[in-house]
């Protein structure tokens, strides 16, 4: 898995360039549905996101594909942890025991903070530097990550490991803001606000309060 969007890319790859038969419907359907899940989960439209995810699981499950269904749950867990939701990835862990994949197992350990003796070579390239970084220095690698969701995930994991500094929160906040990902943006803005309050920085607190109000209002736009 090369990023949190890898499922869609891998499932669609079979349709490109080979000149062979088209991929089966369950592959294209699950790829499309998990991409929709990702979009709406990051927007904070949770009911719609979960509907698409369950449809994706039904597509792979209906084909009896254990490994692919486990991978879907792993993708979901990674997206949720990128939003600082403490998902334990239970569903993936249960299915993965029946169809183990070294790369998926490594990614599972990575996103659940089990970094001891984890081989960076088994991870997607964009996550290797944060794993290799000395304790407390992981935030220095975030600016080198080009994929926004991978960058957000790494920042979230550093927060969960209590290794995040103020710069980590700024990077995560602006990454979510640039993509319009309301759910993680609101979470990181509130974390930044807590820091501003602790510092007694009233100007920064007022600025963050305004941003928070804008994001919260966007969840409930006025009727047209």
N, C-alpha and C. Protein backbone atom coordinates (compact mmCIF):
# COMPACT_ATOMS: atom_id res chain seq x y z
N UNK A 1 0.84 -1.18 0.00
CA UNK A 1 0.00 0.00 0.00
C UNK A 1 0.87 1.23 0.00
N UNK A 2 0.78 2.05 -1.02
CA UNK A 2 1.69 3.17 -1.20
C UNK A 2 1.18 4.46 -0.58
N UNK A 3 -0.09 4.55 -0.25
CA UNK A 3 -0.63 5.68 0.49
C UNK A 3 -2.00 5.25 0.94
N UNK A 4 -2.67 6.14 1.66
CA UNK A 4 -4.01 5.80 2.09
C UNK A 4 -4.98 5.73 0.93
N UNK A 5 -4.55 6.22 -0.22
CA UNK A 5 -5.39 6.10 -1.42
C UNK A 5 -4.96 4.92 -2.28
N UNK A 6 -4.09 4.08 -1.76
CA UNK A 6 -3.51 3.02 -2.58
C UNK A 6 -4.53 2.00 -3.02
N UNK A 7 -5.55 1.77 -2.21
CA UNK A 7 -6.52 0.75 -2.59
C UNK A 7 -7.14 1.08 -3.94
N UNK A 8 -7.58 2.34 -4.09
CA UNK A 8 -8.19 2.72 -5.37
C UNK A 8 -7.20 2.58 -6.50
N UNK A 9 -5.97 3.01 -6.27
CA UNK A 9 -4.96 2.94 -7.33
C UNK A 9 -4.65 1.50 -7.71
N UNK A 10 -4.49 0.65 -6.72
CA UNK A 10 -4.13 -0.73 -7.00
C UNK A 10 -5.26 -1.48 -7.69
N UNK A 11 -6.47 -1.21 -7.24
CA UNK A 11 -7.59 -1.93 -7.83
C UNK A 11 -7.86 -1.48 -9.26
N UNK A 12 -7.58 -0.21 -9.55
CA UNK A 12 -7.83 0.29 -10.89
C UNK A 12 -6.67 0.01 -11.84
N UNK A 13 -5.50 -0.31 -11.31
CA UNK A 13 -4.33 -0.53 -12.14
C UNK A 13 -4.55 -1.63 -13.15
N UNK A 14 -5.29 -2.64 -12.73
CA UNK A 14 -5.51 -3.77 -13.61
C UNK A 14 -6.28 -3.39 -14.86
N UNK A 15 -6.98 -2.27 -14.81
CA UNK A 15 -7.77 -1.85 -15.96
C UNK A 15 -6.97 -1.04 -16.96
N UNK A 16 -5.72 -0.70 -16.61
CA UNK A 16 -4.96 0.25 -17.42
C UNK A 16 -3.78 -0.41 -18.11
N UNK A 17 -3.66 -0.21 -19.36
CA UNK A 17 -2.43 -0.51 -20.06
C UNK A 17 -2.20 -1.95 -20.44
N UNK A 18 -3.02 -2.86 -19.98
CA UNK A 18 -2.74 -4.27 -20.26
C UNK A 18 -3.41 -4.73 -21.54
N UNK A 19 -4.50 -4.05 -21.92
CA UNK A 19 -5.23 -4.47 -23.11
C UNK A 19 -6.02 -5.74 -22.89
N UNK A 20 -6.02 -6.25 -21.66
CA UNK A 20 -6.75 -7.47 -21.35
C UNK A 20 -8.19 -7.17 -21.00
N UNK A 21 -8.86 -8.16 -20.42
CA UNK A 21 -10.26 -7.96 -20.05
C UNK A 21 -10.38 -6.93 -18.94
N UNK A 22 -11.50 -6.26 -18.88
CA UNK A 22 -11.70 -5.26 -17.82
C UNK A 22 -11.73 -5.94 -16.45
N UNK A 23 -11.38 -5.20 -15.41
CA UNK A 23 -11.43 -5.79 -14.07
C UNK A 23 -12.86 -6.12 -13.68
N UNK A 24 -13.04 -7.06 -12.79
CA UNK A 24 -14.40 -7.39 -12.36
C UNK A 24 -15.05 -6.22 -11.64
N UNK A 25 -16.36 -6.23 -11.62
CA UNK A 25 -17.11 -5.12 -11.03
C UNK A 25 -16.76 -4.89 -9.57
N UNK A 26 -16.49 -5.97 -8.81
CA UNK A 26 -16.25 -5.77 -7.38
C UNK A 26 -14.99 -4.94 -7.14
N UNK A 27 -14.01 -5.06 -8.04
CA UNK A 27 -12.79 -4.26 -7.89
C UNK A 27 -13.04 -2.78 -8.15
N UNK A 28 -13.67 -2.50 -9.28
CA UNK A 28 -13.90 -1.09 -9.61
C UNK A 28 -14.91 -0.47 -8.64
N UNK A 29 -15.91 -1.24 -8.24
CA UNK A 29 -16.91 -0.70 -7.31
C UNK A 29 -16.27 -0.38 -5.96
N UNK A 30 -15.46 -1.31 -5.44
CA UNK A 30 -14.87 -1.07 -4.11
C UNK A 30 -13.88 0.09 -4.17
N UNK A 31 -13.14 0.20 -5.28
CA UNK A 31 -12.19 1.31 -5.41
C UNK A 31 -12.93 2.65 -5.41
N UNK A 32 -14.01 2.73 -6.15
CA UNK A 32 -14.78 3.96 -6.21
C UNK A 32 -15.43 4.28 -4.87
N UNK A 33 -15.96 3.27 -4.23
CA UNK A 33 -16.68 3.49 -2.98
C UNK A 33 -15.75 3.88 -1.84
N UNK A 34 -14.56 3.28 -1.78
CA UNK A 34 -13.65 3.65 -0.70
C UNK A 34 -13.09 5.05 -0.93
N UNK A 35 -12.95 5.46 -2.18
CA UNK A 35 -12.55 6.84 -2.47
C UNK A 35 -13.63 7.82 -2.00
N UNK A 36 -14.88 7.45 -2.18
CA UNK A 36 -15.97 8.30 -1.70
C UNK A 36 -15.99 8.33 -0.18
N UNK A 37 -15.74 7.18 0.43
CA UNK A 37 -15.65 7.15 1.90
C UNK A 37 -14.60 8.14 2.38
N UNK A 38 -13.43 8.08 1.78
CA UNK A 38 -12.34 8.97 2.17
C UNK A 38 -12.76 10.43 2.08
N UNK A 39 -13.36 10.79 0.96
CA UNK A 39 -13.77 12.18 0.74
C UNK A 39 -14.72 12.66 1.83
N UNK A 40 -15.77 11.89 2.07
CA UNK A 40 -16.81 12.37 2.99
C UNK A 40 -16.41 12.21 4.45
N UNK A 41 -15.57 11.25 4.76
CA UNK A 41 -15.07 11.14 6.14
C UNK A 41 -14.25 12.36 6.50
N UNK A 42 -13.38 12.79 5.60
CA UNK A 42 -12.53 13.95 5.87
C UNK A 42 -13.34 15.25 5.90
N UNK A 43 -14.48 15.25 5.23
CA UNK A 43 -15.36 16.41 5.29
C UNK A 43 -16.21 16.42 6.55
N UNK A 44 -16.21 15.30 7.28
CA UNK A 44 -17.03 15.22 8.48
C UNK A 44 -18.46 14.83 8.21
N UNK A 45 -18.76 14.36 7.01
CA UNK A 45 -20.11 13.89 6.68
C UNK A 45 -20.15 12.39 6.95
N UNK A 46 -20.25 12.06 8.22
CA UNK A 46 -19.98 10.70 8.67
C UNK A 46 -21.02 9.68 8.24
N UNK A 47 -22.28 10.07 8.24
CA UNK A 47 -23.32 9.12 7.84
C UNK A 47 -23.14 8.69 6.39
N UNK A 48 -22.90 9.66 5.53
CA UNK A 48 -22.68 9.35 4.11
C UNK A 48 -21.39 8.56 3.93
N UNK A 49 -20.35 8.93 4.65
CA UNK A 49 -19.07 8.23 4.54
C UNK A 49 -19.23 6.76 4.92
N UNK A 50 -19.90 6.49 6.03
CA UNK A 50 -20.05 5.11 6.47
C UNK A 50 -20.91 4.30 5.51
N UNK A 51 -21.88 4.95 4.89
CA UNK A 51 -22.70 4.25 3.90
C UNK A 51 -21.83 3.77 2.74
N UNK A 52 -20.95 4.66 2.25
CA UNK A 52 -20.08 4.27 1.15
C UNK A 52 -19.10 3.19 1.59
N UNK A 53 -18.60 3.29 2.80
CA UNK A 53 -17.65 2.27 3.24
C UNK A 53 -18.31 0.90 3.33
N UNK A 54 -19.48 0.84 3.91
CA UNK A 54 -20.17 -0.45 4.03
C UNK A 54 -20.49 -1.04 2.66
N UNK A 55 -20.77 -0.18 1.69
CA UNK A 55 -20.99 -0.66 0.33
C UNK A 55 -19.70 -1.21 -0.27
N UNK A 56 -18.57 -0.58 0.05
CA UNK A 56 -17.28 -1.08 -0.42
C UNK A 56 -16.99 -2.45 0.18
N UNK A 57 -17.26 -2.61 1.46
CA UNK A 57 -17.07 -3.90 2.13
C UNK A 57 -17.99 -4.95 1.52
N UNK A 58 -19.21 -4.56 1.19
CA UNK A 58 -20.14 -5.50 0.56
C UNK A 58 -19.63 -5.94 -0.80
N UNK A 59 -18.96 -5.05 -1.52
CA UNK A 59 -18.44 -5.40 -2.85
C UNK A 59 -17.34 -6.45 -2.74
N UNK A 60 -16.36 -6.23 -1.84
CA UNK A 60 -15.29 -7.22 -1.69
C UNK A 60 -15.77 -8.46 -0.97
N UNK A 61 -16.63 -8.27 0.04
CA UNK A 61 -17.15 -9.41 0.78
C UNK A 61 -18.03 -10.29 -0.08
N UNK A 62 -18.79 -9.64 -0.96
CA UNK A 62 -19.66 -10.42 -1.85
C UNK A 62 -18.88 -11.29 -2.81
N UNK A 63 -17.62 -10.92 -3.06
CA UNK A 63 -16.74 -11.74 -3.91
C UNK A 63 -15.95 -12.74 -3.07
N UNK A 64 -16.18 -12.75 -1.76
CA UNK A 64 -15.47 -13.68 -0.89
C UNK A 64 -13.99 -13.36 -0.75
N UNK A 65 -13.60 -12.09 -0.87
CA UNK A 65 -12.20 -11.68 -0.87
C UNK A 65 -11.78 -11.25 0.53
N UNK A 66 -11.12 -12.13 1.24
CA UNK A 66 -10.74 -11.86 2.63
C UNK A 66 -9.66 -10.78 2.70
N UNK A 67 -8.58 -10.96 1.93
CA UNK A 67 -7.46 -10.01 2.00
C UNK A 67 -7.89 -8.61 1.58
N UNK A 68 -8.68 -8.51 0.51
CA UNK A 68 -9.11 -7.20 0.04
C UNK A 68 -10.06 -6.52 1.03
N UNK A 69 -10.91 -7.34 1.68
CA UNK A 69 -11.80 -6.77 2.69
C UNK A 69 -11.00 -6.29 3.90
N UNK A 70 -10.01 -7.06 4.32
CA UNK A 70 -9.13 -6.63 5.42
C UNK A 70 -8.44 -5.33 5.06
N UNK A 71 -8.00 -5.21 3.81
CA UNK A 71 -7.30 -4.00 3.37
C UNK A 71 -8.22 -2.78 3.43
N UNK A 72 -9.49 -2.98 3.08
CA UNK A 72 -10.45 -1.88 3.18
C UNK A 72 -10.53 -1.36 4.62
N UNK A 73 -10.62 -2.28 5.56
CA UNK A 73 -10.69 -1.88 6.97
C UNK A 73 -9.41 -1.17 7.40
N UNK A 74 -8.28 -1.59 6.85
CA UNK A 74 -7.02 -0.95 7.18
C UNK A 74 -6.98 0.49 6.64
N UNK A 75 -7.46 0.66 5.42
CA UNK A 75 -7.54 2.00 4.84
C UNK A 75 -8.44 2.89 5.70
N UNK A 76 -9.58 2.35 6.09
CA UNK A 76 -10.51 3.11 6.94
C UNK A 76 -9.84 3.51 8.25
N UNK A 77 -9.14 2.58 8.86
CA UNK A 77 -8.48 2.86 10.12
C UNK A 77 -7.43 3.96 9.96
N UNK A 78 -6.66 3.90 8.88
CA UNK A 78 -5.65 4.91 8.64
C UNK A 78 -6.25 6.29 8.46
N UNK A 79 -7.36 6.37 7.75
CA UNK A 79 -8.02 7.66 7.55
C UNK A 79 -8.55 8.19 8.87
N UNK A 80 -9.14 7.32 9.67
CA UNK A 80 -9.67 7.77 10.97
C UNK A 80 -8.55 8.22 11.90
N UNK A 81 -7.44 7.53 11.89
CA UNK A 81 -6.34 7.93 12.76
C UNK A 81 -5.69 9.22 12.25
N UNK A 82 -5.75 9.46 10.96
CA UNK A 82 -5.28 10.75 10.43
C UNK A 82 -6.13 11.90 10.95
N UNK A 83 -7.36 11.60 11.36
CA UNK A 83 -8.26 12.60 11.92
C UNK A 83 -8.20 12.61 13.45
N UNK A 84 -7.20 11.93 14.01
CA UNK A 84 -7.00 11.84 15.46
C UNK A 84 -8.13 11.09 16.15
N UNK A 85 -8.74 10.16 15.44
CA UNK A 85 -9.72 9.26 16.06
C UNK A 85 -8.98 8.00 16.46
N UNK A 86 -9.08 7.61 17.70
CA UNK A 86 -8.27 6.51 18.23
C UNK A 86 -8.90 5.16 17.88
N UNK A 87 -8.95 4.87 16.59
CA UNK A 87 -9.47 3.59 16.09
C UNK A 87 -8.44 2.50 16.37
N UNK A 88 -8.89 1.37 16.89
CA UNK A 88 -7.98 0.26 17.20
C UNK A 88 -7.78 -0.71 16.04
N UNK A 89 -8.46 -0.48 14.93
CA UNK A 89 -8.31 -1.32 13.73
C UNK A 89 -8.68 -2.78 14.00
N UNK A 90 -9.64 -3.01 14.86
CA UNK A 90 -9.99 -4.38 15.26
C UNK A 90 -10.44 -5.22 14.08
N UNK A 91 -11.30 -4.66 13.23
CA UNK A 91 -11.85 -5.44 12.12
C UNK A 91 -10.75 -5.90 11.17
N UNK A 92 -9.81 -5.00 10.87
CA UNK A 92 -8.69 -5.39 10.00
C UNK A 92 -7.86 -6.48 10.65
N UNK A 93 -7.56 -6.34 11.93
CA UNK A 93 -6.71 -7.32 12.62
C UNK A 93 -7.31 -8.71 12.58
N UNK A 94 -8.62 -8.79 12.75
CA UNK A 94 -9.28 -10.09 12.76
C UNK A 94 -9.23 -10.75 11.39
N UNK A 95 -9.50 -9.98 10.33
CA UNK A 95 -9.48 -10.54 8.98
C UNK A 95 -8.06 -10.82 8.52
N UNK A 96 -7.12 -9.95 8.90
CA UNK A 96 -5.74 -10.10 8.43
C UNK A 96 -5.09 -11.38 8.92
N UNK A 97 -5.53 -11.89 10.04
CA UNK A 97 -4.97 -13.16 10.53
C UNK A 97 -5.25 -14.31 9.58
N UNK A 98 -6.33 -14.18 8.82
CA UNK A 98 -6.70 -15.25 7.88
C UNK A 98 -6.00 -15.10 6.53
N UNK A 99 -5.57 -13.88 6.20
CA UNK A 99 -4.89 -13.63 4.92
C UNK A 99 -3.78 -12.62 5.16
N UNK A 100 -2.70 -13.03 5.84
CA UNK A 100 -1.66 -12.06 6.23
C UNK A 100 -0.91 -11.50 5.03
N UNK A 101 -0.60 -10.21 5.13
CA UNK A 101 0.20 -9.50 4.14
C UNK A 101 1.29 -8.76 4.89
N UNK A 102 2.57 -9.00 4.59
CA UNK A 102 3.64 -8.33 5.34
C UNK A 102 3.55 -6.81 5.30
N UNK A 103 3.21 -6.24 4.14
CA UNK A 103 3.14 -4.79 4.05
C UNK A 103 1.93 -4.24 4.82
N UNK A 104 0.81 -4.93 4.73
CA UNK A 104 -0.36 -4.47 5.48
C UNK A 104 -0.14 -4.65 6.98
N UNK A 105 0.53 -5.72 7.37
CA UNK A 105 0.82 -5.92 8.78
C UNK A 105 1.74 -4.82 9.30
N UNK A 106 2.72 -4.43 8.49
CA UNK A 106 3.62 -3.35 8.89
C UNK A 106 2.86 -2.03 9.00
N UNK A 107 1.98 -1.78 8.05
CA UNK A 107 1.20 -0.54 8.09
C UNK A 107 0.27 -0.52 9.29
N UNK A 108 -0.31 -1.67 9.61
CA UNK A 108 -1.16 -1.79 10.80
C UNK A 108 -0.36 -1.44 12.05
N UNK A 109 0.85 -1.96 12.18
CA UNK A 109 1.69 -1.65 13.32
C UNK A 109 2.05 -0.16 13.35
N UNK A 110 2.28 0.39 12.18
CA UNK A 110 2.65 1.80 12.10
C UNK A 110 1.53 2.70 12.59
N UNK A 111 0.32 2.50 12.09
CA UNK A 111 -0.76 3.41 12.45
C UNK A 111 -1.29 3.15 13.85
N UNK A 112 -1.00 1.98 14.43
CA UNK A 112 -1.39 1.72 15.82
C UNK A 112 -0.24 1.94 16.79
N UNK A 113 0.82 2.62 16.31
CA UNK A 113 1.93 3.11 17.15
C UNK A 113 2.82 2.01 17.70
N UNK A 114 2.84 0.87 17.04
CA UNK A 114 3.71 -0.23 17.47
C UNK A 114 4.98 -0.19 16.62
N UNK A 115 5.82 0.81 16.88
CA UNK A 115 6.95 1.10 16.02
C UNK A 115 8.21 0.33 16.39
N UNK A 116 8.22 -0.33 17.51
CA UNK A 116 9.43 -1.04 17.93
C UNK A 116 9.77 -2.15 16.94
N UNK A 117 11.00 -2.13 16.46
CA UNK A 117 11.52 -3.16 15.54
C UNK A 117 10.72 -3.24 14.24
N UNK A 118 10.04 -2.17 13.88
CA UNK A 118 9.29 -2.14 12.62
C UNK A 118 10.23 -1.76 11.49
N UNK A 119 10.26 -2.58 10.45
CA UNK A 119 11.15 -2.35 9.31
C UNK A 119 10.59 -1.25 8.42
N UNK A 120 11.27 -0.10 8.31
CA UNK A 120 10.75 0.99 7.46
C UNK A 120 10.56 0.58 6.01
N UNK A 121 11.35 -0.38 5.54
CA UNK A 121 11.26 -0.79 4.13
C UNK A 121 9.89 -1.39 3.79
N UNK A 122 9.17 -1.86 4.79
CA UNK A 122 7.84 -2.43 4.55
C UNK A 122 6.74 -1.38 4.49
N UNK A 123 7.09 -0.14 4.82
CA UNK A 123 6.10 0.93 4.81
C UNK A 123 6.11 1.68 3.49
N UNK A 124 5.03 2.38 3.17
CA UNK A 124 5.05 3.28 2.02
C UNK A 124 6.17 4.30 2.19
N UNK A 125 6.83 4.72 1.12
CA UNK A 125 8.01 5.60 1.23
C UNK A 125 7.76 6.87 2.03
N UNK A 126 6.55 7.45 1.92
CA UNK A 126 6.31 8.73 2.58
C UNK A 126 6.26 8.63 4.11
N UNK A 127 6.19 7.42 4.64
CA UNK A 127 6.14 7.25 6.09
C UNK A 127 7.47 6.80 6.69
N UNK A 128 8.45 6.51 5.87
CA UNK A 128 9.68 5.91 6.39
C UNK A 128 10.52 6.88 7.21
N UNK A 129 10.57 8.15 6.79
CA UNK A 129 11.44 9.10 7.48
C UNK A 129 10.97 9.37 8.90
N UNK A 130 9.65 9.46 9.10
CA UNK A 130 9.16 9.73 10.45
C UNK A 130 9.45 8.55 11.37
N UNK A 131 9.45 7.35 10.81
CA UNK A 131 9.77 6.17 11.61
C UNK A 131 11.25 6.14 11.97
N UNK A 132 12.09 6.58 11.03
CA UNK A 132 13.54 6.55 11.26
C UNK A 132 14.02 7.70 12.15
N UNK A 133 13.23 8.75 12.26
CA UNK A 133 13.67 9.94 12.98
C UNK A 133 13.89 9.64 14.46
N UNK A 134 14.89 10.27 15.08
CA UNK A 134 15.09 10.11 16.53
C UNK A 134 13.84 10.56 17.29
N UNK A 135 13.65 10.01 18.45
CA UNK A 135 12.50 10.38 19.28
C UNK A 135 12.47 11.88 19.50
N UNK A 136 11.30 12.47 19.24
CA UNK A 136 11.14 13.90 19.42
C UNK A 136 11.52 14.72 18.21
N UNK A 137 12.01 14.08 17.15
CA UNK A 137 12.44 14.81 15.95
C UNK A 137 11.58 14.46 14.73
N UNK A 138 10.54 13.69 14.93
CA UNK A 138 9.71 13.27 13.80
C UNK A 138 9.05 14.40 13.07
N UNK A 139 8.72 15.47 13.78
CA UNK A 139 8.03 16.59 13.14
C UNK A 139 8.88 17.24 12.06
N UNK A 140 10.20 17.08 12.15
CA UNK A 140 11.09 17.69 11.17
C UNK A 140 10.97 17.04 9.79
N UNK A 141 10.36 15.88 9.73
CA UNK A 141 10.21 15.18 8.45
C UNK A 141 8.92 15.53 7.73
N UNK A 142 7.99 16.20 8.39
CA UNK A 142 6.66 16.38 7.81
C UNK A 142 6.66 17.22 6.54
N UNK A 143 7.48 18.24 6.49
CA UNK A 143 7.50 19.12 5.31
C UNK A 143 7.99 18.42 4.05
N UNK A 144 8.65 17.28 4.21
CA UNK A 144 9.16 16.57 3.05
C UNK A 144 8.12 15.63 2.43
N UNK A 145 6.98 15.46 3.08
CA UNK A 145 5.95 14.53 2.61
C UNK A 145 5.03 15.26 1.65
N UNK A 146 4.98 14.81 0.41
CA UNK A 146 4.21 15.51 -0.61
C UNK A 146 2.73 15.14 -0.60
N UNK A 147 2.41 13.94 -0.16
CA UNK A 147 1.01 13.52 -0.15
C UNK A 147 0.32 14.11 1.08
N UNK A 148 -0.73 14.93 0.90
CA UNK A 148 -1.34 15.61 2.05
C UNK A 148 -1.89 14.67 3.11
N UNK A 149 -2.54 13.59 2.69
CA UNK A 149 -3.13 12.69 3.67
C UNK A 149 -2.06 11.93 4.45
N UNK A 150 -0.98 11.55 3.76
CA UNK A 150 0.13 10.91 4.46
C UNK A 150 0.76 11.87 5.46
N UNK A 151 0.91 13.15 5.07
CA UNK A 151 1.46 14.15 5.98
C UNK A 151 0.56 14.34 7.20
N UNK A 152 -0.73 14.40 6.96
CA UNK A 152 -1.68 14.56 8.06
C UNK A 152 -1.64 13.35 8.99
N UNK A 153 -1.57 12.16 8.41
CA UNK A 153 -1.49 10.95 9.22
C UNK A 153 -0.25 10.96 10.10
N UNK A 154 0.91 11.26 9.52
CA UNK A 154 2.14 11.27 10.30
C UNK A 154 2.07 12.29 11.44
N UNK A 155 1.51 13.45 11.15
CA UNK A 155 1.36 14.46 12.20
C UNK A 155 0.44 13.95 13.31
N UNK A 156 -0.64 13.30 12.93
CA UNK A 156 -1.57 12.77 13.93
C UNK A 156 -0.93 11.69 14.78
N UNK A 157 -0.13 10.84 14.15
CA UNK A 157 0.54 9.79 14.92
C UNK A 157 1.54 10.38 15.90
N UNK A 158 2.21 11.45 15.51
CA UNK A 158 3.13 12.12 16.43
C UNK A 158 2.38 12.71 17.62
N UNK A 159 1.19 13.24 17.36
CA UNK A 159 0.36 13.74 18.47
C UNK A 159 0.00 12.59 19.40
N UNK A 160 -0.42 11.46 18.82
CA UNK A 160 -0.81 10.32 19.63
C UNK A 160 0.36 9.76 20.44
N UNK A 161 1.58 9.88 19.88
CA UNK A 161 2.76 9.41 20.59
C UNK A 161 3.32 10.47 21.55
N UNK A 162 2.61 11.60 21.64
CA UNK A 162 3.02 12.71 22.49
C UNK A 162 4.42 13.21 22.12
N UNK A 163 4.68 13.24 20.82
CA UNK A 163 5.95 13.73 20.29
C UNK A 163 5.76 14.94 19.39
N UNK A 164 4.57 15.52 19.40
CA UNK A 164 4.27 16.65 18.51
C UNK A 164 4.64 17.96 19.19
N UNK A 165 5.23 18.86 18.41
CA UNK A 165 5.50 20.21 18.90
C UNK A 165 4.51 21.17 18.23
N UNK A 166 4.67 22.46 18.50
CA UNK A 166 3.75 23.45 17.94
C UNK A 166 3.79 23.44 16.42
N UNK A 167 4.97 23.22 15.85
CA UNK A 167 5.09 23.20 14.39
C UNK A 167 4.29 22.04 13.80
N UNK A 168 4.24 20.92 14.50
CA UNK A 168 3.47 19.77 14.03
C UNK A 168 2.00 20.14 13.89
N UNK A 169 1.46 20.83 14.88
CA UNK A 169 0.05 21.22 14.84
C UNK A 169 -0.21 22.21 13.71
N UNK A 170 0.73 23.13 13.49
CA UNK A 170 0.57 24.09 12.40
C UNK A 170 0.56 23.37 11.06
N UNK A 171 1.48 22.45 10.86
CA UNK A 171 1.55 21.71 9.59
C UNK A 171 0.27 20.92 9.37
N UNK A 172 -0.19 20.22 10.42
CA UNK A 172 -1.41 19.43 10.28
C UNK A 172 -2.61 20.32 9.99
N UNK A 173 -2.70 21.46 10.69
CA UNK A 173 -3.82 22.37 10.50
C UNK A 173 -3.85 22.92 9.08
N UNK A 174 -2.70 23.37 8.60
CA UNK A 174 -2.68 23.98 7.27
C UNK A 174 -2.82 22.93 6.16
N UNK A 175 -2.37 21.70 6.43
CA UNK A 175 -2.60 20.63 5.47
C UNK A 175 -4.09 20.37 5.31
N UNK A 176 -4.79 20.23 6.43
CA UNK A 176 -6.23 20.01 6.38
C UNK A 176 -6.95 21.20 5.77
N UNK A 177 -6.51 22.41 6.12
CA UNK A 177 -7.14 23.62 5.59
C UNK A 177 -6.99 23.71 4.08
N UNK A 178 -5.79 23.43 3.58
CA UNK A 178 -5.54 23.56 2.14
C UNK A 178 -6.39 22.59 1.33
N UNK A 179 -6.74 21.44 1.95
CA UNK A 179 -7.54 20.43 1.26
C UNK A 179 -9.04 20.59 1.52
N UNK A 180 -9.40 21.46 2.47
CA UNK A 180 -10.80 21.60 2.83
C UNK A 180 -11.33 20.44 3.64
N UNK A 181 -10.45 19.77 4.39
CA UNK A 181 -10.85 18.61 5.20
C UNK A 181 -11.32 19.11 6.56
N UNK A 182 -12.62 19.35 6.67
CA UNK A 182 -13.16 20.02 7.84
C UNK A 182 -12.98 19.24 9.14
N UNK A 183 -13.16 17.92 9.07
CA UNK A 183 -13.14 17.15 10.31
C UNK A 183 -11.78 17.24 11.01
N UNK A 184 -10.67 16.89 10.36
CA UNK A 184 -9.39 17.03 11.04
C UNK A 184 -8.99 18.49 11.27
N UNK A 185 -9.42 19.39 10.38
CA UNK A 185 -9.08 20.80 10.56
C UNK A 185 -9.64 21.31 11.88
N UNK A 186 -10.88 20.99 12.18
CA UNK A 186 -11.49 21.45 13.42
C UNK A 186 -10.75 20.89 14.63
N UNK A 187 -10.36 19.63 14.55
CA UNK A 187 -9.64 19.01 15.66
C UNK A 187 -8.32 19.71 15.91
N UNK A 188 -7.56 19.96 14.86
CA UNK A 188 -6.24 20.57 15.03
C UNK A 188 -6.33 22.05 15.40
N UNK A 189 -7.34 22.74 14.91
CA UNK A 189 -7.53 24.12 15.33
C UNK A 189 -7.79 24.20 16.84
N UNK A 190 -8.58 23.27 17.33
CA UNK A 190 -8.87 23.26 18.77
C UNK A 190 -7.63 22.91 19.59
N UNK A 191 -6.79 22.03 19.07
CA UNK A 191 -5.54 21.74 19.77
C UNK A 191 -4.64 22.97 19.80
N UNK A 192 -4.58 23.68 18.69
CA UNK A 192 -3.79 24.91 18.66
C UNK A 192 -4.36 25.95 19.64
N UNK A 193 -5.67 26.02 19.72
CA UNK A 193 -6.30 26.96 20.64
C UNK A 193 -5.92 26.63 22.08
N UNK A 194 -5.92 25.35 22.43
CA UNK A 194 -5.52 24.96 23.78
C UNK A 194 -4.11 25.44 24.10
N UNK A 195 -3.23 25.33 23.12
CA UNK A 195 -1.86 25.81 23.33
C UNK A 195 -1.82 27.32 23.50
N UNK A 196 -2.62 28.04 22.72
CA UNK A 196 -2.65 29.50 22.83
C UNK A 196 -3.18 29.93 24.19
N UNK A 197 -4.19 29.23 24.68
CA UNK A 197 -4.73 29.54 26.00
C UNK A 197 -3.67 29.28 27.07
N UNK A 198 -2.96 28.16 26.94
CA UNK A 198 -1.92 27.83 27.92
C UNK A 198 -0.81 28.88 27.93
N UNK A 199 -0.50 29.45 26.76
CA UNK A 199 0.53 30.48 26.68
C UNK A 199 0.03 31.86 27.09
N UNK A 200 -1.29 32.00 27.19
CA UNK A 200 -1.86 33.31 27.46
C UNK A 200 -1.81 34.24 26.27
N UNK A 201 -1.76 33.65 25.07
CA UNK A 201 -1.69 34.44 23.84
C UNK A 201 -3.11 34.75 23.36
N UNK A 202 -3.63 35.90 23.79
CA UNK A 202 -5.02 36.22 23.49
C UNK A 202 -5.25 36.55 22.02
N UNK A 203 -4.28 37.15 21.38
CA UNK A 203 -4.43 37.46 19.96
C UNK A 203 -4.53 36.18 19.14
N UNK A 204 -3.65 35.23 19.43
CA UNK A 204 -3.70 33.95 18.71
C UNK A 204 -4.99 33.21 19.03
N UNK A 205 -5.43 33.28 20.27
CA UNK A 205 -6.67 32.61 20.64
C UNK A 205 -7.86 33.19 19.87
N UNK A 206 -7.90 34.53 19.75
CA UNK A 206 -8.99 35.17 19.02
C UNK A 206 -8.97 34.77 17.54
N UNK A 207 -7.78 34.69 16.95
CA UNK A 207 -7.64 34.28 15.55
C UNK A 207 -8.12 32.85 15.35
N UNK A 208 -7.74 31.98 16.28
CA UNK A 208 -8.15 30.58 16.17
C UNK A 208 -9.64 30.43 16.43
N UNK A 209 -10.19 31.21 17.36
CA UNK A 209 -11.64 31.17 17.60
C UNK A 209 -12.41 31.52 16.34
N UNK A 210 -11.92 32.50 15.60
CA UNK A 210 -12.60 32.88 14.36
C UNK A 210 -12.55 31.76 13.34
N UNK A 211 -11.41 31.14 13.21
CA UNK A 211 -11.29 30.02 12.26
C UNK A 211 -12.19 28.86 12.68
N UNK A 212 -12.22 28.58 13.97
CA UNK A 212 -13.07 27.48 14.47
C UNK A 212 -14.54 27.77 14.17
N UNK A 213 -14.97 29.01 14.39
CA UNK A 213 -16.37 29.36 14.11
C UNK A 213 -16.70 29.17 12.64
N UNK A 214 -15.78 29.56 11.77
CA UNK A 214 -16.02 29.39 10.34
C UNK A 214 -16.20 27.93 9.96
N UNK A 215 -15.33 27.08 10.51
CA UNK A 215 -15.42 25.65 10.18
C UNK A 215 -16.69 25.06 10.76
N UNK A 216 -17.00 25.38 12.01
CA UNK A 216 -18.21 24.82 12.63
C UNK A 216 -19.47 25.27 11.89
N UNK A 217 -19.50 26.51 11.43
CA UNK A 217 -20.66 27.00 10.69
C UNK A 217 -20.83 26.24 9.38
N UNK A 218 -19.71 25.83 8.78
CA UNK A 218 -19.78 25.14 7.49
C UNK A 218 -20.46 23.77 7.60
N UNK A 219 -20.50 23.21 8.80
CA UNK A 219 -21.19 21.93 8.99
C UNK A 219 -22.71 22.11 8.91
N UNK A 220 -23.17 23.30 9.19
CA UNK A 220 -24.62 23.57 9.20
C UNK A 220 -24.91 24.85 8.42
N UNK A 221 -24.69 24.81 7.10
CA UNK A 221 -24.90 26.02 6.30
C UNK A 221 -26.36 26.44 6.32
N UNK A 222 -26.64 27.74 6.20
CA UNK A 222 -28.04 28.20 6.19
C UNK A 222 -28.77 27.67 4.96
N UNK A 223 -30.07 27.42 5.07
CA UNK A 223 -30.84 26.93 3.91
C UNK A 223 -30.85 27.95 2.79
N UNK A 224 -30.89 27.44 1.58
CA UNK A 224 -30.94 28.33 0.42
C UNK A 224 -32.35 28.88 0.22
